[in-house]
C-alpha atoms as a PDB file:
ATOM      1  CA  MET A   1      -1.048 -15.489 -19.074  1.00  0.00           C
ATOM      2  CA  SER A   2      -0.689 -11.883 -17.913  1.00  0.00           C
ATOM      3  CA  GLU A   3       2.594 -10.045 -17.519  1.00  0.00           C
ATOM      4  CA  ALA A   4       4.322 -10.291 -14.157  1.00  0.00           C
ATOM      5  CA  VAL A   5       4.131  -7.254 -11.925  1.00  0.00           C
ATOM      6  CA  HIS A   6       7.617  -6.046 -10.924  1.00  0.00           C
ATOM      7  CA  PHE A   7       8.564  -4.194  -7.731  1.00  0.00           C
ATOM      8  CA  HIS A   8      12.165  -3.531  -6.643  1.00  0.00           C
ATOM      9  CA  GLY A   9      13.347  -6.219  -9.035  1.00  0.00           C
ATOM     10  CA  ARG A  10      10.867  -8.781  -7.679  1.00  0.00           C
ATOM     11  CA  ASP A  11       7.715 -10.093  -9.255  1.00  0.00           C
ATOM     12  CA  ALA A  12       4.726 -11.925  -7.876  1.00  0.00           C
ATOM     13  CA  ALA A  13       6.406 -15.259  -8.670  1.00  0.00           C
ATOM     14  CA  ASP A  14       9.163 -14.459  -6.138  1.00  0.00           C
ATOM     15  CA  LEU A  15       6.734 -14.310  -3.208  1.00  0.00           C
ATOM     16  CA  THR A  16       6.371 -16.958  -0.531  1.00  0.00           C
ATOM     17  CA  LYS A  17       3.009 -18.743  -0.372  1.00  0.00           C
ATOM     18  CA  ASN A  18       1.829 -16.558   2.524  1.00  0.00           C
ATOM     19  CA  GLN A  19       2.996 -13.337   0.855  1.00  0.00           C
ATOM     20  CA  SER A  20       1.221 -14.354  -2.339  1.00  0.00           C
ATOM     21  CA  LEU A  21      -2.026 -15.121  -0.488  1.00  0.00           C
ATOM     22  CA  VAL A  22      -1.932 -11.800   1.391  1.00  0.00           C
ATOM     23  CA  PHE A  23      -1.107  -9.868  -1.786  1.00  0.00           C
ATOM     24  CA  GLY A  24      -3.956 -11.655  -3.565  1.00  0.00           C
ATOM     25  CA  ALA A  25      -6.434 -10.731  -0.823  1.00  0.00           C
ATOM     26  CA  LEU A  26      -5.384  -7.078  -1.010  1.00  0.00           C
ATOM     27  CA  SER A  27      -5.439  -7.056  -4.819  1.00  0.00           C
ATOM     28  CA  ARG A  28      -9.023  -8.360  -4.867  1.00  0.00           C
ATOM     29  CA  ALA A  29     -10.222  -5.962  -2.167  1.00  0.00           C
ATOM     30  CA  GLU A  30     -12.359  -2.964  -3.058  1.00  0.00           C
ATOM     31  CA  GLY A  31     -10.694  -0.917  -0.318  1.00  0.00           C
ATOM     32  CA  PRO A  32      -8.063  -1.104   2.413  1.00  0.00           C
ATOM     33  CA  LEU A  33      -7.952  -4.144   4.689  1.00  0.00           C
ATOM     34  CA  SER A  34      -6.726  -4.511   8.257  1.00  0.00           C
ATOM     35  CA  ALA A  35      -4.410  -7.385   9.130  1.00  0.00           C
ATOM     36  CA  TYR A  36      -7.242  -9.038  11.071  1.00  0.00           C
ATOM     37  CA  THR A  37      -9.619  -8.811   8.092  1.00  0.00           C
ATOM     38  CA  ILE A  38      -6.926 -10.433   5.939  1.00  0.00           C
ATOM     39  CA  LEU A  39      -6.500 -13.147   8.594  1.00  0.00           C
ATOM     40  CA  ASP A  40     -10.252 -13.829   8.570  1.00  0.00           C
ATOM     41  CA  GLN A  41     -10.293 -14.075   4.773  1.00  0.00           C
ATOM     42  CA  LEU A  42      -7.327 -16.468   4.689  1.00  0.00           C
ATOM     43  CA  ARG A  43      -8.241 -18.883   7.486  1.00  0.00           C
ATOM     44  CA  ASP A  44      -9.267 -21.528   4.939  1.00  0.00           C
ATOM     45  CA  ASP A  45      -5.799 -21.178   3.380  1.00  0.00           C
ATOM     46  CA  GLY A  46      -4.057 -22.165   6.621  1.00  0.00           C
ATOM     47  CA  PHE A  47      -3.628 -18.798   8.322  1.00  0.00           C
ATOM     48  CA  ARG A  48      -4.124 -19.187  12.060  1.00  0.00           C
ATOM     49  CA  ALA A  49      -2.243 -16.320  13.710  1.00  0.00           C
ATOM     50  CA  PRO A  50      -1.933 -12.564  13.119  1.00  0.00           C
ATOM     51  CA  LEU A  51       1.867 -12.947  13.070  1.00  0.00           C
ATOM     52  CA  GLN A  52       1.613 -14.891   9.782  1.00  0.00           C
ATOM     53  CA  VAL A  53      -0.218 -11.962   8.203  1.00  0.00           C
ATOM     54  CA  TYR A  54       2.067  -9.308   9.702  1.00  0.00           C
ATOM     55  CA  ARG A  55       5.224 -11.084   8.487  1.00  0.00           C
ATOM     56  CA  ALA A  56       3.836 -11.244   4.950  1.00  0.00           C
ATOM     57  CA  LEU A  57       2.682  -7.615   5.112  1.00  0.00           C
ATOM     58  CA  ASP A  58       6.080  -6.429   6.371  1.00  0.00           C
ATOM     59  CA  LYS A  59       7.831  -7.985   3.367  1.00  0.00           C
ATOM     60  CA  LEU A  60       5.190  -6.757   0.906  1.00  0.00           C
ATOM     61  CA  VAL A  61       5.458  -3.205   2.275  1.00  0.00           C
ATOM     62  CA  GLU A  62       9.275  -3.417   2.138  1.00  0.00           C
ATOM     63  CA  THR A  63       9.143  -4.389  -1.552  1.00  0.00           C
ATOM     64  CA  GLY A  64       6.618  -1.657  -2.414  1.00  0.00           C
ATOM     65  CA  MET A  65       3.899  -4.096  -3.459  1.00  0.00           C
ATOM     66  CA  VAL A  66       1.664  -3.002  -0.568  1.00  0.00           C
ATOM     67  CA  HIS A  67       1.221   0.343   1.167  1.00  0.00           C
ATOM     68  CA  ARG A  68       0.244   0.930   4.787  1.00  0.00           C
ATOM     69  CA  LEU A  69      -2.339   3.614   5.456  1.00  0.00           C
ATOM     70  CA  GLU A  70      -1.311   4.923   8.851  1.00  0.00           C
ATOM     71  CA  SER A  71      -4.535   6.760   9.671  1.00  0.00           C
ATOM     72  CA  LEU A  72      -6.633   3.647   9.015  1.00  0.00           C
ATOM     73  CA  ASN A  73      -4.145   1.074  10.319  1.00  0.00           C
ATOM     74  CA  ALA A  74      -4.874  -0.811   7.105  1.00  0.00           C
ATOM     75  CA  PHE A  75      -3.152  -1.924   3.924  1.00  0.00           C
ATOM     76  CA  VAL A  76      -3.737  -1.597   0.167  1.00  0.00           C
ATOM     77  CA  ALA A  77      -2.108  -3.298  -2.805  1.00  0.00           C
ATOM     78  CA  CYS A  78      -0.039  -0.901  -4.881  1.00  0.00           C
ATOM     79  CA  ARG A  79      -1.999   0.129  -7.943  1.00  0.00           C
ATOM     80  CA  HIS A  80       1.000   1.716  -9.684  1.00  0.00           C
ATOM     81  CA  PRO A  81       3.818  -0.738 -10.390  1.00  0.00           C
ATOM     82  CA  GLY A  82       6.967   1.347 -10.444  1.00  0.00           C
ATOM     83  CA  CYS A  83       5.792   3.828  -7.794  1.00  0.00           C
ATOM     84  CA  ASP A  84       8.425   2.283  -5.537  1.00  0.00           C
ATOM     85  CA  SER A  85      10.864   4.691  -7.171  1.00  0.00           C
ATOM     86  CA  HIS A  86       9.075   7.622  -5.532  1.00  0.00           C
ATOM     87  CA  GLU A  87       9.989   8.908  -2.088  1.00  0.00           C
ATOM     88  CA  THR A  88       6.491  10.300  -1.603  1.00  0.00           C
ATOM     89  CA  ILE A  89       3.254   8.410  -2.031  1.00  0.00           C
ATOM     90  CA  ALA A  90      -0.085  10.133  -1.566  1.00  0.00           C
ATOM     91  CA  PHE A  91      -3.524   8.653  -0.993  1.00  0.00           C
ATOM     92  CA  ALA A  92      -6.969  10.220  -1.238  1.00  0.00           C
ATOM     93  CA  ILE A  93      -9.248   8.432   1.253  1.00  0.00           C
ATOM     94  CA  CYS A  94     -13.026   8.867   0.992  1.00  0.00           C
ATOM     95  CA  GLU A  95     -14.527   9.097   4.460  1.00  0.00           C
ATOM     96  CA  THR A  96     -17.960   8.101   3.120  1.00  0.00           C
ATOM     97  CA  CYS A  97     -17.368   4.965   1.004  1.00  0.00           C
ATOM     98  CA  GLY A  98     -13.798   4.102   2.040  1.00  0.00           C
ATOM     99  CA  LYS A  99     -12.404   4.232  -1.499  1.00  0.00           C
ATOM    100  CA  VAL A 100      -8.650   4.826  -1.597  1.00  0.00           C
ATOM    101  CA  THR A 101      -6.957   6.340  -4.623  1.00  0.00           C
ATOM    102  CA  GLU A 102      -3.185   6.261  -4.967  1.00  0.00           C
ATOM    103  CA  ILE A 103      -1.745   9.526  -6.257  1.00  0.00           C
ATOM    104  CA  SER A 104       1.662   9.840  -7.859  1.00  0.00           C
ATOM    105  CA  ASP A 105       2.796  13.416  -8.418  1.00  0.00           C
ATOM    106  CA  GLU A 106       6.396  14.409  -8.986  1.00  0.00           C
ATOM    107  CA  ALA A 107       5.687  18.106  -8.328  1.00  0.00           C
ATOM    108  CA  LEU A 108       4.259  17.272  -4.889  1.00  0.00           C
ATOM    109  CA  GLU A 109       7.229  15.055  -4.144  1.00  0.00           C
ATOM    110  CA  ASN A 110       9.694  17.779  -5.186  1.00  0.00           C
ATOM    111  CA  ARG A 111       7.896  20.471  -3.162  1.00  0.00           C
ATOM    112  CA  LEU A 112       7.813  18.365   0.009  1.00  0.00           C
ATOM    113  CA  ARG A 113      11.497  17.527  -0.400  1.00  0.00           C
ATOM    114  CA  GLN A 114      12.287  21.249  -0.883  1.00  0.00           C
ATOM    115  CA  LEU A 115      10.303  22.245   2.229  1.00  0.00           C
ATOM    116  CA  ALA A 116      12.103  19.625   4.274  1.00  0.00           C
ATOM    117  CA  ARG A 117      15.523  20.715   2.935  1.00  0.00           C
ATOM    118  CA  GLU A 118      14.785  24.329   3.890  1.00  0.00           C
ATOM    119  CA  ASP A 119      14.325  23.064   7.431  1.00  0.00           C
ATOM    120  CA  GLY A 120      17.561  21.033   7.302  1.00  0.00           C
ATOM    121  CA  PHE A 121      15.695  17.735   7.033  1.00  0.00           C
ATOM    122  CA  THR A 122      16.381  14.918   4.579  1.00  0.00           C
ATOM    123  CA  VAL A 123      13.312  12.944   3.511  1.00  0.00           C
ATOM    124  CA  LYS A 124      13.771   9.214   3.067  1.00  0.00           C
ATOM    125  CA  LYS A 125      10.107   8.385   2.511  1.00  0.00           C
ATOM    126  CA  ALA A 126       6.803  10.181   2.985  1.00  0.00           C
ATOM    127  CA  VAL A 127       3.201   9.027   2.907  1.00  0.00           C
ATOM    128  CA  VAL A 128       0.577  11.738   2.499  1.00  0.00           C
ATOM    129  CA  GLU A 129      -3.016  10.865   3.359  1.00  0.00           C
ATOM    130  CA  LEU A 130      -5.764  13.177   2.171  1.00  0.00           C
ATOM    131  CA  ARG A 131      -9.122  12.619   3.895  1.00  0.00           C
ATOM    132  CA  GLY A 132     -12.361  13.832   2.349  1.00  0.00           C
ATOM    133  CA  VAL A 133     -15.141  12.796  -0.014  1.00  0.00           C
ATOM    134  CA  CYS A 134     -14.681  11.230  -3.453  1.00  0.00           C
ATOM    135  CA  ALA A 135     -16.521  12.459  -6.545  1.00  0.00           C
ATOM    136  CA  GLY A 136     -18.952   9.535  -6.393  1.00  0.00           C
ATOM    137  CA  CYS A 137     -20.030  10.414  -2.853  1.00  0.00           C
ATOM    138  CA  ALA A 138     -19.990  14.215  -3.213  1.00  0.00           C
END
């Protein structure tokens, strides 16, 4: 059996059935999924209402296991266990194929925090979304 994935002191075994099903759907996905796409994929597993999906997503986002891509109104499973310790998460989103790459860069995080501080602002969390074309589509 594979090692458990840990986020904020939780692992996949700590999830409710619905959270586990939603996380599984996102983990298997090639790209980001909307809540309604997740609902469609999980209808055979007893999902009937968007609220079931949104409740599971809210908890998964809170624990750092899933990230919300604001510009796409979609969700992706975290590909970097332990990234929940970062205040800044960046994503490169290919506008051609839809591929999303999670980027973890301490220098970027430090620079954004410094820029905010210079303006008297304290960053709690930041999500940076880079839109463009991936190497495979270029």
